[in-house]
Amino acid sequence: EKGDPGEKGDTGPAGPRGFPGNPGLKGARGESALSYHSAFSVGLSELVPATNVPIRFNKFFYNDQHHYDDISGKFRCVLPGVYFFTYHLTVYTKDAKVSLFMNDKAIMFTFDQYQETNVDQASGSVILRLEAGDEVWLQVYGDDAFGGVYADNTNDSTFSGFLLYPAIPVSAQRR
């Protein structure tokens, strides 16, 4: 005759790993990562013609998105975000005083005092937060005595800018 069941024993060693199961159902298609691009790099091909108006850079190194307008001489922000701008200007024959403007306000000034028989360089850089529609440009500041920005076939004056990172809408941040 069989007796009563005994106490529960210790757990035994783990068995061998089983075979993989069947694949699950295919998931829904996700959103693709958006890439945001905005960049330009332009230069002068002639002397700066006028003071207190945007310098019209007309030599294009890069402007694939067409955010720099050579007619107005201005970069127009299409993608809101944080941008880096830089300029390197050859100075020759007279002093140069140049301002970087954002929306009709001078943000920074660069001054170079011309030294006889030398070709000088003046440069500046800045990081700015821009909204769509904001404009950024360079212009000779003051009277003609400060118009020494120069360019020819062996000397360049350049202006460049690019998006560091876009402003992400609040709705996109909640994902």
Protein backbone atom coordinates (compact mmCIF):
# COMPACT_ATOMS: atom_id res chain seq x y z
CA GLU A 1 0.00 0.00 0.00
CA LYS A 2 1.24 3.50 -0.89
CA GLY A 3 1.98 6.05 1.84
CA ASP A 4 1.26 9.78 2.09
CA PRO A 5 3.25 12.17 -0.20
CA GLY A 6 6.44 13.51 1.37
CA GLU A 7 7.71 17.06 1.75
CA LYS A 8 8.66 19.04 -1.35
CA GLY A 9 12.30 18.56 -2.28
CA ASP A 10 14.99 21.05 -3.40
CA THR A 11 14.90 22.49 -6.91
CA GLY A 12 16.98 20.50 -9.33
CA PRO A 13 19.62 21.82 -11.74
CA ALA A 14 18.48 23.86 -14.79
CA GLY A 15 17.80 21.84 -17.89
CA PRO A 16 19.31 22.46 -21.34
CA ARG A 17 18.21 25.57 -23.30
CA GLY A 18 15.18 24.96 -25.50
CA PHE A 19 14.76 25.65 -29.20
CA PRO A 20 13.99 29.27 -30.31
CA GLY A 21 10.35 30.13 -30.66
CA ASN A 22 8.60 31.34 -33.80
CA PRO A 23 9.16 34.98 -34.83
CA GLY A 24 6.57 37.46 -33.63
CA LEU A 25 4.36 39.64 -35.80
CA LYS A 26 6.02 42.43 -37.78
CA GLY A 27 5.79 45.80 -36.03
CA ALA A 28 4.31 48.95 -37.46
CA ARG A 29 6.59 51.13 -39.60
CA GLY A 30 8.36 53.77 -37.51
CA GLU A 31 9.03 57.38 -38.33
CA SER A 32 12.22 58.10 -40.20
CA ALA A 33 14.81 60.29 -38.58
CA LEU A 34 14.66 63.79 -39.98
CA SER A 35 17.90 65.42 -40.93
CA TYR A 36 18.04 69.18 -40.89
CA HIS A 37 20.51 71.00 -43.10
CA SER A 38 21.29 74.67 -43.46
CA ALA A 39 24.74 75.89 -44.44
CA PHE A 40 26.45 78.39 -46.69
CA SER A 41 29.95 79.57 -47.48
CA VAL A 42 30.43 82.55 -49.77
CA GLY A 43 33.17 84.95 -50.78
CA LEU A 44 33.77 88.27 -52.49
CA SER A 45 35.05 88.60 -56.02
CA GLU A 46 35.49 92.39 -55.91
CA LEU A 47 35.88 95.31 -53.53
CA VAL A 48 32.99 96.13 -51.20
CA PRO A 49 31.06 98.83 -53.08
CA ALA A 50 29.12 100.60 -50.31
CA THR A 51 29.03 101.18 -46.57
CA ASN A 52 26.10 100.70 -44.17
CA VAL A 53 24.37 98.16 -46.43
CA PRO A 54 24.75 94.37 -46.48
CA ILE A 55 27.91 93.11 -48.18
CA ARG A 56 26.81 91.11 -51.22
CA PHE A 57 29.07 88.07 -51.35
CA ASN A 58 28.86 86.69 -54.88
CA LYS A 59 31.35 83.81 -55.00
CA PHE A 60 29.71 80.57 -53.86
CA PHE A 61 31.64 77.77 -52.20
CA TYR A 62 28.49 76.12 -50.80
CA ASN A 63 24.83 77.20 -50.75
CA ASP A 64 22.88 74.04 -51.60
CA GLN A 65 19.82 75.00 -49.53
CA HIS A 66 19.85 78.57 -50.97
CA HIS A 67 19.46 80.12 -47.51
CA TYR A 68 22.04 82.80 -48.39
CA ASP A 69 20.71 85.33 -50.91
CA ASP A 70 23.39 87.05 -52.99
CA ILE A 71 20.91 89.71 -54.16
CA SER A 72 20.17 90.97 -50.63
CA GLY A 73 23.49 89.82 -49.13
CA LYS A 74 21.60 88.19 -46.26
CA PHE A 75 21.27 84.72 -44.76
CA ARG A 76 17.59 84.03 -44.06
CA CYS A 77 16.78 81.41 -41.42
CA VAL A 78 14.39 78.72 -42.62
CA LEU A 79 15.05 76.14 -39.88
CA PRO A 80 14.89 77.52 -36.32
CA GLY A 81 17.81 76.52 -34.15
CA VAL A 82 21.33 77.37 -33.07
CA TYR A 83 23.73 78.56 -35.79
CA PHE A 84 27.46 79.24 -36.06
CA PHE A 85 28.62 82.16 -38.23
CA THR A 86 32.18 83.11 -39.11
CA TYR A 87 33.88 85.59 -41.41
CA HIS A 88 37.44 86.13 -42.56
CA LEU A 89 38.09 89.38 -44.37
CA THR A 90 41.13 90.58 -46.26
CA VAL A 91 41.88 94.23 -45.44
CA TYR A 92 43.85 96.36 -47.87
CA THR A 93 44.38 100.06 -48.71
CA LYS A 94 42.41 101.44 -45.73
CA ASP A 95 40.94 100.56 -42.33
CA ALA A 96 38.01 98.16 -42.09
CA LYS A 97 35.17 98.21 -39.59
CA VAL A 98 32.63 95.45 -40.15
CA SER A 99 29.50 94.52 -38.21
CA LEU A 100 27.57 91.28 -38.10
CA PHE A 101 23.88 92.14 -38.05
CA MET A 102 20.85 90.13 -37.01
CA ASN A 103 17.45 91.60 -37.87
CA ASP A 104 18.68 95.21 -38.22
CA LYS A 105 20.68 95.08 -34.97
CA ALA A 106 24.48 95.06 -34.88
CA ILE A 107 25.51 92.00 -32.87
CA MET A 108 29.29 92.35 -33.05
CA PHE A 109 31.98 94.59 -34.54
CA THR A 110 35.39 93.84 -35.99
CA PHE A 111 37.94 96.58 -36.61
CA ASP A 112 41.25 96.32 -38.44
CA GLN A 113 43.61 99.27 -38.72
CA TYR A 114 45.38 99.03 -42.06
CA GLN A 115 49.18 99.16 -41.96
CA GLU A 116 50.94 100.57 -45.04
CA THR A 117 52.20 97.95 -47.50
CA ASN A 118 50.58 95.06 -45.60
CA VAL A 119 47.58 92.92 -46.39
CA ASP A 120 45.70 92.25 -43.14
CA GLN A 121 43.03 89.80 -42.05
CA ALA A 122 40.08 90.55 -39.80
CA SER A 123 37.76 87.82 -38.57
CA GLY A 124 34.99 87.04 -36.17
CA SER A 125 32.70 84.21 -35.13
CA VAL A 126 29.49 83.95 -33.17
CA ILE A 127 26.84 81.41 -32.17
CA LEU A 128 23.24 82.66 -32.42
CA ARG A 129 19.81 81.20 -31.71
CA LEU A 130 17.60 81.99 -34.71
CA GLU A 131 13.91 81.72 -35.45
CA ALA A 132 12.44 81.18 -38.91
CA GLY A 133 12.58 84.47 -40.81
CA ASP A 134 15.54 85.92 -38.89
CA GLU A 135 18.22 87.45 -41.11
CA VAL A 136 21.99 87.65 -40.57
CA TRP A 137 24.51 89.61 -42.65
CA LEU A 138 27.76 91.57 -42.66
CA GLN A 139 28.18 95.21 -43.54
CA VAL A 140 30.89 97.84 -43.49
CA TYR A 141 30.02 100.08 -40.56
CA GLY A 142 30.53 103.83 -40.72
CA ASP A 143 31.81 105.98 -43.56
CA ASP A 144 33.95 105.13 -46.57
CA ALA A 145 37.15 105.49 -44.51
CA PHE A 146 36.32 102.04 -43.01
CA GLY A 147 35.71 100.30 -46.34
CA GLY A 148 39.01 98.42 -46.61
CA VAL A 149 37.46 94.97 -47.10
CA TYR A 150 39.20 93.57 -50.15
CA ALA A 151 39.15 90.66 -52.55
CA ASP A 152 40.91 89.77 -55.78
CA ASN A 153 42.06 86.62 -57.54
CA THR A 154 44.59 85.78 -54.79
CA ASN A 155 42.93 87.26 -51.66
CA ASP A 156 39.58 86.10 -50.33
CA SER A 157 37.06 87.60 -47.97
CA THR A 158 34.55 84.97 -46.85
CA PHE A 159 31.34 84.62 -44.83
CA SER A 160 30.00 81.24 -43.70
CA GLY A 161 27.30 79.87 -41.45
CA PHE A 162 25.67 76.58 -40.58
CA LEU A 163 23.06 75.01 -38.34
CA LEU A 164 24.60 73.42 -35.25
CA TYR A 165 21.32 71.87 -34.11
CA PRO A 166 17.65 72.52 -34.82
CA ALA A 167 15.10 73.79 -32.33
CA ILE A 168 12.96 70.71 -31.70
CA PRO A 169 9.22 71.44 -31.38
CA VAL A 170 7.70 70.52 -27.99
CA SER A 171 5.48 67.90 -29.68
CA ALA A 172 8.57 66.08 -31.02
CA GLN A 173 10.29 66.13 -27.61
CA ARG A 174 7.53 64.02 -25.99
CA ARG A 175 8.28 60.86 -27.96
